Amino acid sequence: MDGALFLWFAWMGVIITVFFLKASNNRTSLLFVLLLAICIVTFEFQVMEYSFTALVLLSIVYGYFLLLTYMQVTRIYAVIIVLMLTAAYTSIELFSIYDPVFTYLYTKWSVSAILFIIIHMSLHNSSERCSLLILGVVHGEVILSILFQQMGIKRLAGELASFDIIAISIMGTVTWHYFVQVTEHLEKLVKKHQERRGYS
């Protein structure tokens, strides 16, 4: 069922935010966004002949907010990465229409893995990675909606399947971030232990 992974990861994010993060403005804003995303998951609105989900609007606003708050790279580089992610997501979705084989090859998990690899080869900051992942997929959804409309097919911009892809990619990014932190901490402990034993 489309959207199940998004809701599952969103609730997991709520639990982690409430019980494991220190009290701060960042924690409060993240918790607010996660709960708001869960609440508006079924809301849709119309702009001229195009249909959008409320999650698309929330994702664009929060994605740009994250990017402007934590951006360490130049704006041109950020735009290039967003264009790469948007092109990758859009082309995969279009290929799945023109060639049915792509429907079986490119599942939510494989598309998420492709986006995950692109973003991790391009950036090092986890907040930047998450913001650009959100913006890349959401912009891709808007472009797909416009392209489908021109072909005479009505398509909702911001289908729940796309937010499953965002959720998987972001959860992978966050998991990788904490994995790197744990390994660095263990490496420091081993180094201290070796220094005490006189190995260094």
Protein backbone atom coordinates (compact mmCIF):
# COMPACT_ATOMS: atom_id res chain seq x y z
CA MET A 1 0.00 0.00 0.00
CA ASP A 2 1.40 3.38 -1.05
CA GLY A 3 2.18 5.66 1.86
CA ALA A 4 2.55 2.88 4.45
CA LEU A 5 6.34 3.19 4.57
CA PHE A 6 6.12 6.96 4.80
CA LEU A 7 3.70 6.80 7.74
CA TRP A 8 5.73 4.07 9.44
CA PHE A 9 9.00 6.03 9.16
CA ALA A 10 7.24 9.28 10.12
CA TRP A 11 5.91 7.75 13.34
CA MET A 12 9.34 6.23 13.99
CA GLY A 13 10.79 9.71 13.53
CA VAL A 14 8.28 11.12 16.02
CA ILE A 15 9.25 8.51 18.63
CA ILE A 16 12.99 9.07 18.11
CA THR A 17 12.54 12.86 18.21
CA VAL A 18 10.49 12.81 21.43
CA PHE A 19 12.49 10.24 23.40
CA PHE A 20 16.06 10.41 22.10
CA LEU A 21 16.80 13.99 21.02
CA LYS A 22 17.69 16.77 23.43
CA ALA A 23 15.11 19.52 23.96
CA SER A 24 15.79 22.35 21.50
CA ASN A 25 14.11 24.51 18.88
CA ASN A 26 15.31 22.09 16.17
CA ARG A 27 13.65 19.16 17.93
CA THR A 28 10.39 21.10 18.32
CA SER A 29 10.32 22.16 14.66
CA LEU A 30 11.14 18.63 13.46
CA LEU A 31 8.42 17.16 15.67
CA PHE A 32 5.91 19.74 14.42
CA VAL A 33 6.73 18.99 10.76
CA LEU A 34 6.49 15.20 11.25
CA LEU A 35 3.13 15.42 13.04
CA LEU A 36 1.81 17.92 10.48
CA ALA A 37 2.91 15.62 7.63
CA ILE A 38 1.04 12.72 9.23
CA CYS A 39 -2.09 14.86 9.68
CA ILE A 40 -2.22 16.23 6.11
CA VAL A 41 -1.22 13.01 4.33
CA THR A 42 -4.61 12.71 2.58
CA PHE A 43 -5.23 16.41 1.81
CA GLU A 44 -5.24 17.51 -1.83
CA PHE A 45 -5.72 20.87 -3.57
CA GLN A 46 -6.19 22.08 -7.12
CA VAL A 47 -4.15 24.76 -8.94
CA MET A 48 -5.72 25.40 -12.35
CA GLU A 49 -5.82 21.95 -14.00
CA TYR A 50 -3.12 20.45 -11.77
CA SER A 51 -3.76 18.47 -8.58
CA PHE A 52 -1.29 18.56 -5.68
CA THR A 53 -1.12 16.94 -2.28
CA ALA A 54 -0.62 19.14 0.77
CA LEU A 55 2.53 17.12 1.51
CA VAL A 56 4.15 18.56 -1.63
CA LEU A 57 3.73 22.10 -0.34
CA LEU A 58 4.97 21.15 3.14
CA SER A 59 7.96 19.31 1.65
CA ILE A 60 8.98 22.25 -0.53
CA VAL A 61 8.75 24.71 2.37
CA TYR A 62 10.59 22.45 4.84
CA GLY A 63 13.16 21.34 2.25
CA TYR A 64 14.14 24.93 1.46
CA PHE A 65 14.07 25.83 5.16
CA LEU A 66 16.51 22.99 5.95
CA LEU A 67 18.72 23.88 3.01
CA LEU A 68 18.95 27.58 3.85
CA THR A 69 19.52 26.83 7.55
CA TYR A 70 22.28 24.21 7.16
CA MET A 71 23.71 24.93 3.70
CA GLN A 72 27.51 24.68 3.64
CA VAL A 73 27.94 24.34 -0.13
CA THR A 74 27.47 27.08 -2.72
CA ARG A 75 23.99 27.72 -4.11
CA ILE A 76 25.07 26.75 -7.61
CA TYR A 77 26.31 23.37 -6.36
CA ALA A 78 23.05 22.82 -4.44
CA VAL A 79 21.02 23.66 -7.58
CA ILE A 80 23.11 21.21 -9.66
CA ILE A 81 22.52 18.40 -7.13
CA VAL A 82 18.77 19.11 -6.99
CA LEU A 83 18.66 19.01 -10.80
CA MET A 84 20.57 15.69 -10.79
CA LEU A 85 18.18 14.15 -8.25
CA THR A 86 15.13 15.53 -10.06
CA ALA A 87 16.37 14.24 -13.42
CA ALA A 88 17.16 10.80 -11.96
CA TYR A 89 13.77 10.47 -10.27
CA THR A 90 11.79 11.83 -13.24
CA SER A 91 13.59 9.71 -15.83
CA ILE A 92 13.10 6.51 -13.81
CA GLU A 93 9.38 7.23 -13.43
CA LEU A 94 9.02 8.00 -17.15
CA PHE A 95 10.96 4.86 -18.16
CA SER A 96 8.58 2.79 -16.03
CA ILE A 97 5.71 4.07 -18.19
CA TYR A 98 7.34 3.50 -21.58
CA ASP A 99 8.91 0.14 -20.71
CA PRO A 100 6.99 -2.17 -18.34
CA VAL A 101 10.22 -3.98 -17.38
CA PHE A 102 11.27 -0.87 -15.46
CA THR A 103 8.19 -1.27 -13.26
CA TYR A 104 9.67 -4.51 -11.90
CA LEU A 105 13.30 -3.38 -11.84
CA TYR A 106 12.78 0.01 -10.24
CA THR A 107 10.82 -0.47 -7.07
CA LYS A 108 10.60 2.06 -4.24
CA TRP A 109 13.68 0.50 -2.64
CA SER A 110 15.82 0.54 -5.77
CA VAL A 111 14.85 4.14 -6.65
CA SER A 112 15.64 5.15 -3.06
CA ALA A 113 19.00 3.38 -3.31
CA ILE A 114 19.85 5.28 -6.53
CA LEU A 115 18.98 8.63 -4.94
CA PHE A 116 20.86 7.63 -1.76
CA ILE A 117 24.02 6.87 -3.76
CA ILE A 118 23.80 10.13 -5.74
CA ILE A 119 23.36 12.29 -2.64
CA HIS A 120 26.09 10.51 -0.65
CA MET A 121 28.59 10.85 -3.47
CA SER A 122 27.82 14.57 -3.72
CA LEU A 123 27.54 15.84 -0.12
CA HIS A 124 28.83 15.13 3.39
CA ASN A 125 26.40 17.06 5.61
CA SER A 126 23.35 14.96 6.59
CA SER A 127 20.98 17.95 6.85
CA GLU A 128 21.94 19.06 3.34
CA ARG A 129 21.48 15.51 2.09
CA CYS A 130 17.97 15.26 3.56
CA SER A 131 16.88 18.67 2.29
CA LEU A 132 18.14 18.03 -1.24
CA LEU A 133 16.56 14.56 -1.31
CA ILE A 134 13.20 16.08 -0.39
CA LEU A 135 13.52 18.87 -2.95
CA GLY A 136 14.74 16.56 -5.72
CA VAL A 137 11.82 14.14 -5.43
CA VAL A 138 9.19 16.84 -4.90
CA HIS A 139 10.37 18.85 -7.91
CA GLY A 140 10.37 15.60 -9.87
CA GLU A 141 6.76 15.00 -8.86
CA VAL A 142 5.73 18.47 -10.05
CA ILE A 143 7.52 17.96 -13.39
CA LEU A 144 5.88 14.54 -13.83
CA SER A 145 2.46 16.05 -13.14
CA ILE A 146 3.03 18.71 -15.82
CA LEU A 147 4.34 16.16 -18.35
CA PHE A 148 1.42 13.80 -17.74
CA GLN A 149 -1.05 16.66 -18.08
CA GLN A 150 0.45 17.53 -21.47
CA MET A 151 -0.03 13.88 -22.52
CA GLY A 152 -3.67 14.09 -21.48
CA ILE A 153 -3.25 12.00 -18.32
CA LYS A 154 -4.33 13.41 -14.97
CA ARG A 155 -1.70 12.69 -12.32
CA LEU A 156 -1.60 13.81 -8.72
CA ALA A 157 1.63 15.64 -7.90
CA GLY A 158 2.92 14.15 -4.68
CA GLU A 159 1.61 10.60 -4.80
CA LEU A 160 2.18 8.66 -1.59
CA ALA A 161 4.58 6.30 -3.39
CA SER A 162 6.97 9.23 -3.89
CA PHE A 163 6.90 9.98 -0.16
CA ASP A 164 7.70 6.34 0.52
CA ILE A 165 10.83 6.89 -1.59
CA ILE A 166 11.67 10.08 0.33
CA ALA A 167 11.13 8.30 3.67
CA ILE A 168 13.36 5.35 2.72
CA SER A 169 16.13 7.64 1.41
CA ILE A 170 16.05 9.92 4.45
CA MET A 171 15.94 7.00 6.89
CA GLY A 172 18.94 5.49 5.09
CA THR A 173 20.75 8.84 5.28
CA VAL A 174 20.04 9.27 9.01
CA THR A 175 21.05 5.65 9.73
CA TRP A 176 24.28 6.11 7.81
CA HIS A 177 25.00 9.37 9.67
CA TYR A 178 24.68 7.71 13.08
CA PHE A 179 26.60 4.63 11.90
CA VAL A 180 29.52 6.90 10.94
CA GLN A 181 29.34 8.65 14.32
CA VAL A 182 29.38 5.31 16.19
CA THR A 183 32.35 4.01 14.19
CA GLU A 184 34.28 7.26 14.77
CA HIS A 185 33.55 7.00 18.51
CA LEU A 186 34.71 3.37 18.59
CA GLU A 187 37.83 4.30 16.65
CA LYS A 188 38.67 6.98 19.25
CA LEU A 189 38.12 4.47 22.07
CA VAL A 190 40.43 1.92 20.42
CA LYS A 191 43.05 4.61 19.83
CA LYS A 192 42.91 5.71 23.50
CA HIS A 193 43.16 2.09 24.61
CA GLN A 194 46.21 1.56 22.38
CA GLU A 195 47.86 4.72 23.73
CA ARG A 196 47.34 3.53 27.31
CA ARG A 197 48.84 0.13 26.46
CA GLY A 198 51.76 1.83 24.70
CA TYR A 199 50.99 0.57 21.15
CA SER A 200 51.03 3.96 19.45
